[in-house]
Amino acid sequence: MNKKITLENEEYEIVQNYKDGFQYKELLEKWTDYFYDYDYIVGDYAYDKLRLKGFCEKQNQKFNSINSKELIKDYIQNDCAYECKYFVLKKISK
């Protein structure tokens, strides 16, 4: 079973935590209301700094071809530093 966390009254499940990339305190420092509408949040580290990117399911109103959840693996492979630590959060529907 994956760990669950709460951010701004929304519950998320940590579905991937590569190289122990998930650090709650650092996530809170970067978290803004910009990410509320996304179904998935990817956090990765570049030059020891956390970067966040949101992705959506097809039924999400914010969905478009560049933020499809199907692109998470491509994003990690192509846009993140090689072998960097990262995590993937999935919003849990209420």
C-alpha atoms as a PDB file:
ATOM      1  CA  MET A   1       0.000   0.000   0.000  1.00  0.00           C
ATOM      2  CA  ASN A   2       1.306   3.441  -0.944  1.00  0.00           C
ATOM      3  CA  LYS A   3       1.645   6.271   1.537  1.00  0.00           C
ATOM      4  CA  LYS A   4      -1.008   9.001   1.595  1.00  0.00           C
ATOM      5  CA  ILE A   5      -0.462  12.677   2.333  1.00  0.00           C
ATOM      6  CA  THR A   6      -2.654  15.763   2.596  1.00  0.00           C
ATOM      7  CA  LEU A   7      -1.970  19.057   0.803  1.00  0.00           C
ATOM      8  CA  GLU A   8      -4.387  21.965   1.150  1.00  0.00           C
ATOM      9  CA  ASN A   9      -7.271  19.690   2.217  1.00  0.00           C
ATOM     10  CA  GLU A  10      -6.706  17.338  -0.752  1.00  0.00           C
ATOM     11  CA  GLU A  11      -5.477  13.796  -0.289  1.00  0.00           C
ATOM     12  CA  TYR A  12      -2.721  12.369  -2.479  1.00  0.00           C
ATOM     13  CA  GLU A  13      -1.108   8.988  -2.780  1.00  0.00           C
ATOM     14  CA  ILE A  14       2.636   8.662  -3.364  1.00  0.00           C
ATOM     15  CA  VAL A  15       2.676   6.238  -6.293  1.00  0.00           C
ATOM     16  CA  GLN A  16       6.412   6.488  -7.001  1.00  0.00           C
ATOM     17  CA  ASN A  17       9.263   7.591  -4.750  1.00  0.00           C
ATOM     18  CA  TYR A  18      12.439   7.000  -6.739  1.00  0.00           C
ATOM     19  CA  LYS A  19      15.644   7.291  -4.686  1.00  0.00           C
ATOM     20  CA  ASP A  20      13.570   8.630  -1.750  1.00  0.00           C
ATOM     21  CA  GLY A  21      12.846  11.786  -3.729  1.00  0.00           C
ATOM     22  CA  PHE A  22       9.702  12.654  -1.770  1.00  0.00           C
ATOM     23  CA  GLN A  23      10.427  15.253   0.906  1.00  0.00           C
ATOM     24  CA  TYR A  24       7.222  16.663   2.398  1.00  0.00           C
ATOM     25  CA  LYS A  25       8.817  19.846   3.751  1.00  0.00           C
ATOM     26  CA  GLU A  26      10.352  20.743   0.383  1.00  0.00           C
ATOM     27  CA  LEU A  27       7.064  20.015  -1.389  1.00  0.00           C
ATOM     28  CA  LEU A  28       5.215  22.370   0.952  1.00  0.00           C
ATOM     29  CA  GLU A  29       7.720  25.139   0.173  1.00  0.00           C
ATOM     30  CA  LYS A  30       7.011  24.821  -3.581  1.00  0.00           C
ATOM     31  CA  TRP A  31       3.279  24.040  -3.435  1.00  0.00           C
ATOM     32  CA  THR A  32       0.885  26.676  -4.821  1.00  0.00           C
ATOM     33  CA  ASP A  33      -2.749  26.780  -5.869  1.00  0.00           C
ATOM     34  CA  TYR A  34      -1.529  26.316  -9.458  1.00  0.00           C
ATOM     35  CA  PHE A  35      -1.421  22.549  -8.836  1.00  0.00           C
ATOM     36  CA  TYR A  36      -4.964  22.163  -7.423  1.00  0.00           C
ATOM     37  CA  ASP A  37      -6.534  21.086 -10.712  1.00  0.00           C
ATOM     38  CA  TYR A  38      -3.976  18.427 -11.655  1.00  0.00           C
ATOM     39  CA  ASP A  39      -4.571  14.729 -11.045  1.00  0.00           C
ATOM     40  CA  TYR A  40      -0.867  13.870 -10.850  1.00  0.00           C
ATOM     41  CA  ILE A  41       2.113  15.873  -9.631  1.00  0.00           C
ATOM     42  CA  VAL A  42       5.677  14.921 -10.523  1.00  0.00           C
ATOM     43  CA  GLY A  43       8.464  16.310  -8.386  1.00  0.00           C
ATOM     44  CA  ASP A  44      12.047  15.951  -9.584  1.00  0.00           C
ATOM     45  CA  TYR A  45      15.367  17.389  -8.518  1.00  0.00           C
ATOM     46  CA  ALA A  46      17.660  19.370 -10.794  1.00  0.00           C
ATOM     47  CA  TYR A  47      20.777  20.893  -9.248  1.00  0.00           C
ATOM     48  CA  ASP A  48      19.399  19.921  -5.809  1.00  0.00           C
ATOM     49  CA  LYS A  49      16.259  22.010  -6.365  1.00  0.00           C
ATOM     50  CA  LEU A  50      12.762  20.580  -6.488  1.00  0.00           C
ATOM     51  CA  ARG A  51      10.756  21.116  -9.674  1.00  0.00           C
ATOM     52  CA  LEU A  52       7.036  20.324  -9.905  1.00  0.00           C
ATOM     53  CA  LYS A  53       4.911  19.526 -12.950  1.00  0.00           C
ATOM     54  CA  GLY A  54       1.213  18.650 -13.145  1.00  0.00           C
ATOM     55  CA  PHE A  55      -0.481  16.028 -15.323  1.00  0.00           C
ATOM     56  CA  CYS A  56      -4.156  15.213 -15.949  1.00  0.00           C
ATOM     57  CA  GLU A  57      -6.497  12.329 -16.674  1.00  0.00           C
ATOM     58  CA  LYS A  58      -8.518  12.645 -19.906  1.00  0.00           C
ATOM     59  CA  GLN A  59     -11.761  13.479 -18.077  1.00  0.00           C
ATOM     60  CA  ASN A  60     -10.158  16.467 -16.308  1.00  0.00           C
ATOM     61  CA  GLN A  61     -11.281  19.868 -17.679  1.00  0.00           C
ATOM     62  CA  LYS A  62      -7.631  21.007 -17.670  1.00  0.00           C
ATOM     63  CA  PHE A  63      -6.547  18.064 -19.839  1.00  0.00           C
ATOM     64  CA  ASN A  64      -4.635  18.720 -23.038  1.00  0.00           C
ATOM     65  CA  SER A  65      -2.103  16.746 -25.039  1.00  0.00           C
ATOM     66  CA  ILE A  66       0.919  18.233 -23.256  1.00  0.00           C
ATOM     67  CA  ASN A  67      -0.215  17.388 -19.729  1.00  0.00           C
ATOM     68  CA  SER A  68      -1.662  13.905 -20.255  1.00  0.00           C
ATOM     69  CA  LYS A  69      -0.837  11.475 -17.452  1.00  0.00           C
ATOM     70  CA  GLU A  70       0.310   9.133 -20.223  1.00  0.00           C
ATOM     71  CA  LEU A  71       3.356  11.431 -20.670  1.00  0.00           C
ATOM     72  CA  ILE A  72       4.693  11.104 -17.112  1.00  0.00           C
ATOM     73  CA  LYS A  73       7.197   8.383 -18.028  1.00  0.00           C
ATOM     74  CA  ASP A  74       8.385  10.372 -21.079  1.00  0.00           C
ATOM     75  CA  TYR A  75       8.741  13.499 -18.941  1.00  0.00           C
ATOM     76  CA  ILE A  76      10.905  11.658 -16.406  1.00  0.00           C
ATOM     77  CA  GLN A  77      13.069  10.067 -19.119  1.00  0.00           C
ATOM     78  CA  ASN A  78      13.434  13.112 -21.380  1.00  0.00           C
ATOM     79  CA  ASP A  79      13.068  16.244 -19.257  1.00  0.00           C
ATOM     80  CA  CYS A  80      14.565  15.253 -15.918  1.00  0.00           C
ATOM     81  CA  ALA A  81      18.240  14.919 -15.084  1.00  0.00           C
ATOM     82  CA  TYR A  82      19.566  11.401 -15.687  1.00  0.00           C
ATOM     83  CA  GLU A  83      18.942   9.169 -12.642  1.00  0.00           C
ATOM     84  CA  CYS A  84      17.672  12.088 -10.566  1.00  0.00           C
ATOM     85  CA  LYS A  85      15.496  11.428  -7.565  1.00  0.00           C
ATOM     86  CA  TYR A  86      11.808  12.044  -8.140  1.00  0.00           C
ATOM     87  CA  PHE A  87       8.306  11.260  -6.936  1.00  0.00           C
ATOM     88  CA  VAL A  88       4.818  10.983  -8.414  1.00  0.00           C
ATOM     89  CA  LEU A  89       1.689  11.944  -6.475  1.00  0.00           C
ATOM     90  CA  LYS A  90      -1.829  10.948  -7.497  1.00  0.00           C
ATOM     91  CA  LYS A  91      -4.814  12.925  -6.261  1.00  0.00           C
ATOM     92  CA  ILE A  92      -7.332  10.657  -4.562  1.00  0.00           C
ATOM     93  CA  SER A  93     -10.901  11.338  -5.695  1.00  0.00           C
ATOM     94  CA  LYS A  94     -13.337  12.207  -2.970  1.00  0.00           C
END
